[in-house]
N, C-alpha and C. Protein backbone atom coordinates (compact mmCIF):
# COMPACT_ATOMS: atom_id res chain seq x y z
N LEU A 1 -2.31 8.21 -25.15
CA LEU A 1 -3.51 7.46 -24.82
C LEU A 1 -4.04 7.92 -23.47
N VAL A 2 -5.34 7.94 -23.35
CA VAL A 2 -6.02 8.27 -22.10
C VAL A 2 -7.01 7.14 -21.83
N PHE A 3 -7.02 6.66 -20.58
CA PHE A 3 -7.84 5.52 -20.22
C PHE A 3 -8.89 5.86 -19.18
N THR A 4 -10.04 5.19 -19.27
CA THR A 4 -10.96 5.06 -18.16
C THR A 4 -11.03 3.56 -17.88
N LYS A 5 -11.85 3.13 -16.94
CA LYS A 5 -11.96 1.69 -16.68
C LYS A 5 -12.59 0.94 -17.84
N SER A 6 -13.32 1.64 -18.70
CA SER A 6 -14.02 0.94 -19.77
C SER A 6 -13.78 1.53 -21.16
N SER A 7 -12.82 2.43 -21.31
CA SER A 7 -12.59 3.01 -22.64
C SER A 7 -11.16 3.50 -22.81
N VAL A 8 -10.80 3.69 -24.09
CA VAL A 8 -9.47 4.20 -24.45
C VAL A 8 -9.67 5.32 -25.46
N PHE A 9 -8.99 6.43 -25.23
CA PHE A 9 -9.03 7.57 -26.13
C PHE A 9 -7.61 7.91 -26.56
N ILE A 10 -7.48 8.51 -27.73
CA ILE A 10 -6.21 9.06 -28.14
C ILE A 10 -6.38 10.58 -28.17
N VAL A 11 -5.43 11.28 -27.58
CA VAL A 11 -5.46 12.73 -27.52
C VAL A 11 -4.34 13.26 -28.41
N THR A 12 -4.70 14.13 -29.35
CA THR A 12 -3.73 14.69 -30.30
C THR A 12 -3.92 16.20 -30.38
N PRO A 13 -2.90 16.92 -30.82
CA PRO A 13 -3.07 18.37 -31.02
C PRO A 13 -4.10 18.63 -32.11
N ASN A 14 -4.84 19.73 -31.98
CA ASN A 14 -5.78 20.09 -33.05
C ASN A 14 -5.00 20.65 -34.24
N ASP A 15 -5.69 20.93 -35.33
CA ASP A 15 -5.03 21.39 -36.55
C ASP A 15 -4.32 22.73 -36.36
N ALA A 16 -4.85 23.58 -35.49
CA ALA A 16 -4.22 24.88 -35.25
C ALA A 16 -3.03 24.77 -34.31
N GLY A 17 -2.94 23.66 -33.58
CA GLY A 17 -1.83 23.45 -32.68
C GLY A 17 -1.95 24.18 -31.35
N ASP A 18 -3.11 24.77 -31.07
CA ASP A 18 -3.28 25.53 -29.83
C ASP A 18 -4.18 24.83 -28.81
N SER A 19 -4.61 23.63 -29.12
CA SER A 19 -5.47 22.88 -28.21
C SER A 19 -5.35 21.39 -28.57
N PHE A 20 -6.22 20.59 -28.00
CA PHE A 20 -6.17 19.15 -28.24
C PHE A 20 -7.56 18.63 -28.60
N ARG A 21 -7.56 17.45 -29.20
CA ARG A 21 -8.83 16.77 -29.47
C ARG A 21 -8.68 15.31 -29.05
N ALA A 22 -9.77 14.74 -28.58
CA ALA A 22 -9.78 13.34 -28.15
C ALA A 22 -10.67 12.54 -29.09
N SER A 23 -10.19 11.36 -29.46
CA SER A 23 -10.95 10.44 -30.30
C SER A 23 -11.02 9.10 -29.58
N ALA A 24 -12.21 8.53 -29.52
CA ALA A 24 -12.38 7.24 -28.87
C ALA A 24 -11.77 6.13 -29.73
N LEU A 25 -10.95 5.28 -29.11
CA LEU A 25 -10.41 4.11 -29.80
C LEU A 25 -11.21 2.86 -29.45
N SER A 26 -11.74 2.82 -28.22
CA SER A 26 -12.54 1.69 -27.79
C SER A 26 -13.45 2.11 -26.65
N SER A 27 -14.68 1.65 -26.70
CA SER A 27 -15.61 1.87 -25.59
C SER A 27 -15.85 0.57 -24.84
N ASP A 28 -15.09 -0.47 -25.17
CA ASP A 28 -15.23 -1.78 -24.52
C ASP A 28 -13.99 -2.17 -23.71
N ILE A 29 -12.86 -1.55 -24.00
CA ILE A 29 -11.60 -1.91 -23.36
C ILE A 29 -11.10 -0.70 -22.60
N GLY A 30 -10.72 -0.88 -21.36
CA GLY A 30 -10.17 0.21 -20.57
C GLY A 30 -8.93 -0.26 -19.85
N CYS A 31 -8.54 0.49 -18.85
CA CYS A 31 -7.37 0.16 -18.04
C CYS A 31 -7.83 0.11 -16.58
N VAL A 32 -7.53 -0.99 -15.88
CA VAL A 32 -8.02 -1.17 -14.52
C VAL A 32 -7.08 -0.66 -13.45
N GLY A 33 -5.90 -0.22 -13.80
CA GLY A 33 -4.98 0.30 -12.80
C GLY A 33 -3.99 1.26 -13.40
N PRO A 34 -3.75 2.41 -12.76
CA PRO A 34 -2.86 3.41 -13.34
C PRO A 34 -1.41 2.95 -13.48
N GLY A 35 -1.00 1.97 -12.72
CA GLY A 35 0.38 1.49 -12.81
C GLY A 35 0.55 0.27 -13.70
N THR A 36 -0.47 -0.05 -14.50
CA THR A 36 -0.41 -1.28 -15.28
C THR A 36 -0.11 -1.07 -16.75
N PHE A 37 0.27 0.12 -17.16
CA PHE A 37 0.59 0.31 -18.58
C PHE A 37 2.07 0.62 -18.74
N ALA A 38 2.59 0.27 -19.93
CA ALA A 38 4.01 0.50 -20.21
C ALA A 38 4.19 0.77 -21.70
N ASN A 39 5.08 1.68 -22.01
CA ASN A 39 5.48 1.92 -23.40
C ASN A 39 6.64 1.00 -23.70
N MET A 40 6.53 0.26 -24.78
CA MET A 40 7.51 -0.75 -25.14
C MET A 40 8.54 -0.19 -26.13
N PRO A 41 9.71 -0.83 -26.22
CA PRO A 41 10.76 -0.36 -27.15
C PRO A 41 10.31 -0.32 -28.61
N ASP A 42 9.34 -1.16 -28.98
CA ASP A 42 8.87 -1.17 -30.37
C ASP A 42 7.86 -0.07 -30.67
N GLY A 43 7.56 0.78 -29.67
CA GLY A 43 6.62 1.87 -29.86
C GLY A 43 5.19 1.55 -29.46
N SER A 44 4.92 0.31 -29.12
CA SER A 44 3.58 -0.06 -28.70
C SER A 44 3.38 0.26 -27.22
N THR A 45 2.15 0.22 -26.78
CA THR A 45 1.80 0.41 -25.38
C THR A 45 1.00 -0.79 -24.93
N ILE A 46 1.31 -1.33 -23.74
CA ILE A 46 0.54 -2.43 -23.19
C ILE A 46 -0.06 -2.01 -21.86
N TRP A 47 -1.19 -2.62 -21.48
CA TRP A 47 -1.85 -2.31 -20.22
C TRP A 47 -2.78 -3.44 -19.83
N LEU A 48 -3.20 -3.41 -18.56
CA LEU A 48 -4.12 -4.41 -18.03
C LEU A 48 -5.53 -3.85 -18.04
N GLY A 49 -6.41 -4.53 -18.76
CA GLY A 49 -7.82 -4.19 -18.78
C GLY A 49 -8.61 -5.27 -18.06
N ARG A 50 -9.92 -5.11 -17.97
CA ARG A 50 -10.75 -6.10 -17.28
C ARG A 50 -10.67 -7.47 -17.93
N GLY A 51 -10.44 -7.53 -19.23
CA GLY A 51 -10.40 -8.80 -19.94
C GLY A 51 -9.02 -9.38 -20.14
N GLY A 52 -7.99 -8.77 -19.56
CA GLY A 52 -6.62 -9.26 -19.72
C GLY A 52 -5.69 -8.15 -20.13
N PHE A 53 -4.54 -8.51 -20.69
CA PHE A 53 -3.58 -7.53 -21.16
C PHE A 53 -3.85 -7.18 -22.62
N TYR A 54 -3.69 -5.91 -22.94
CA TYR A 54 -3.94 -5.40 -24.29
C TYR A 54 -2.71 -4.66 -24.79
N GLN A 55 -2.60 -4.57 -26.12
CA GLN A 55 -1.49 -3.88 -26.75
C GLN A 55 -2.03 -2.96 -27.83
N MET A 56 -1.54 -1.72 -27.84
CA MET A 56 -1.89 -0.74 -28.87
C MET A 56 -0.69 -0.57 -29.78
N THR A 57 -0.89 -0.83 -31.07
CA THR A 57 0.13 -0.60 -32.09
C THR A 57 -0.49 0.26 -33.18
N SER A 58 0.24 0.51 -34.23
CA SER A 58 -0.31 1.27 -35.35
C SER A 58 -1.45 0.50 -36.03
N GLN A 59 -1.54 -0.81 -35.75
CA GLN A 59 -2.60 -1.63 -36.32
C GLN A 59 -3.88 -1.59 -35.49
N GLY A 60 -3.82 -1.04 -34.27
CA GLY A 60 -4.99 -0.98 -33.41
C GLY A 60 -4.73 -1.67 -32.08
N ILE A 61 -5.81 -2.00 -31.38
CA ILE A 61 -5.74 -2.63 -30.07
C ILE A 61 -6.00 -4.12 -30.20
N THR A 62 -5.13 -4.93 -29.59
CA THR A 62 -5.33 -6.38 -29.58
C THR A 62 -5.13 -6.92 -28.16
N ARG A 63 -5.86 -7.97 -27.84
CA ARG A 63 -5.70 -8.65 -26.57
C ARG A 63 -4.50 -9.58 -26.69
N ILE A 64 -3.54 -9.48 -25.78
CA ILE A 64 -2.33 -10.29 -25.86
C ILE A 64 -2.20 -11.27 -24.71
N SER A 65 -3.20 -11.35 -23.85
CA SER A 65 -3.11 -12.25 -22.70
C SER A 65 -2.93 -13.70 -23.11
N GLY A 66 -3.51 -14.12 -24.20
CA GLY A 66 -3.33 -15.50 -24.64
C GLY A 66 -1.88 -15.84 -24.86
N GLU A 67 -1.13 -14.92 -25.47
CA GLU A 67 0.30 -15.13 -25.70
C GLU A 67 1.05 -15.22 -24.37
N ILE A 68 0.72 -14.36 -23.44
CA ILE A 68 1.38 -14.34 -22.14
C ILE A 68 1.05 -15.62 -21.37
N GLU A 69 -0.23 -16.04 -21.38
CA GLU A 69 -0.63 -17.25 -20.69
C GLU A 69 0.11 -18.47 -21.24
N SER A 70 0.30 -18.52 -22.55
CA SER A 70 1.03 -19.64 -23.17
C SER A 70 2.47 -19.69 -22.70
N ILE A 71 3.11 -18.55 -22.62
CA ILE A 71 4.51 -18.50 -22.18
C ILE A 71 4.62 -18.99 -20.75
N PHE A 72 3.73 -18.53 -19.87
CA PHE A 72 3.79 -18.97 -18.47
C PHE A 72 3.48 -20.46 -18.35
N SER A 73 2.53 -20.95 -19.15
CA SER A 73 2.20 -22.39 -19.10
C SER A 73 3.39 -23.24 -19.55
N GLU A 74 4.07 -22.81 -20.60
CA GLU A 74 5.24 -23.54 -21.09
C GLU A 74 6.36 -23.57 -20.06
N GLN A 75 6.46 -22.53 -19.26
CA GLN A 75 7.51 -22.44 -18.24
C GLN A 75 7.08 -23.11 -16.93
N GLY A 76 5.83 -23.59 -16.87
CA GLY A 76 5.34 -24.23 -15.66
C GLY A 76 5.06 -23.26 -14.54
N LEU A 77 4.74 -22.02 -14.89
CA LEU A 77 4.48 -20.99 -13.89
C LEU A 77 2.99 -20.76 -13.70
């Protein structure tokens, strides 16, 4: 994955294997800080965007901040 502040791209090898191609995954979601993304043990990637935390899986990109906010609220944090 490659990020700008407002977009996410996936970079893959081309069919010949001698170069790369980029495909846009989102033009609405980006990454706001280079140290805010992590690859998870399940193979997904999470990062901080302007609208909260996001997760990329084989199913696509989803906003996960609601889940995180609920956990912190339950813990009184």
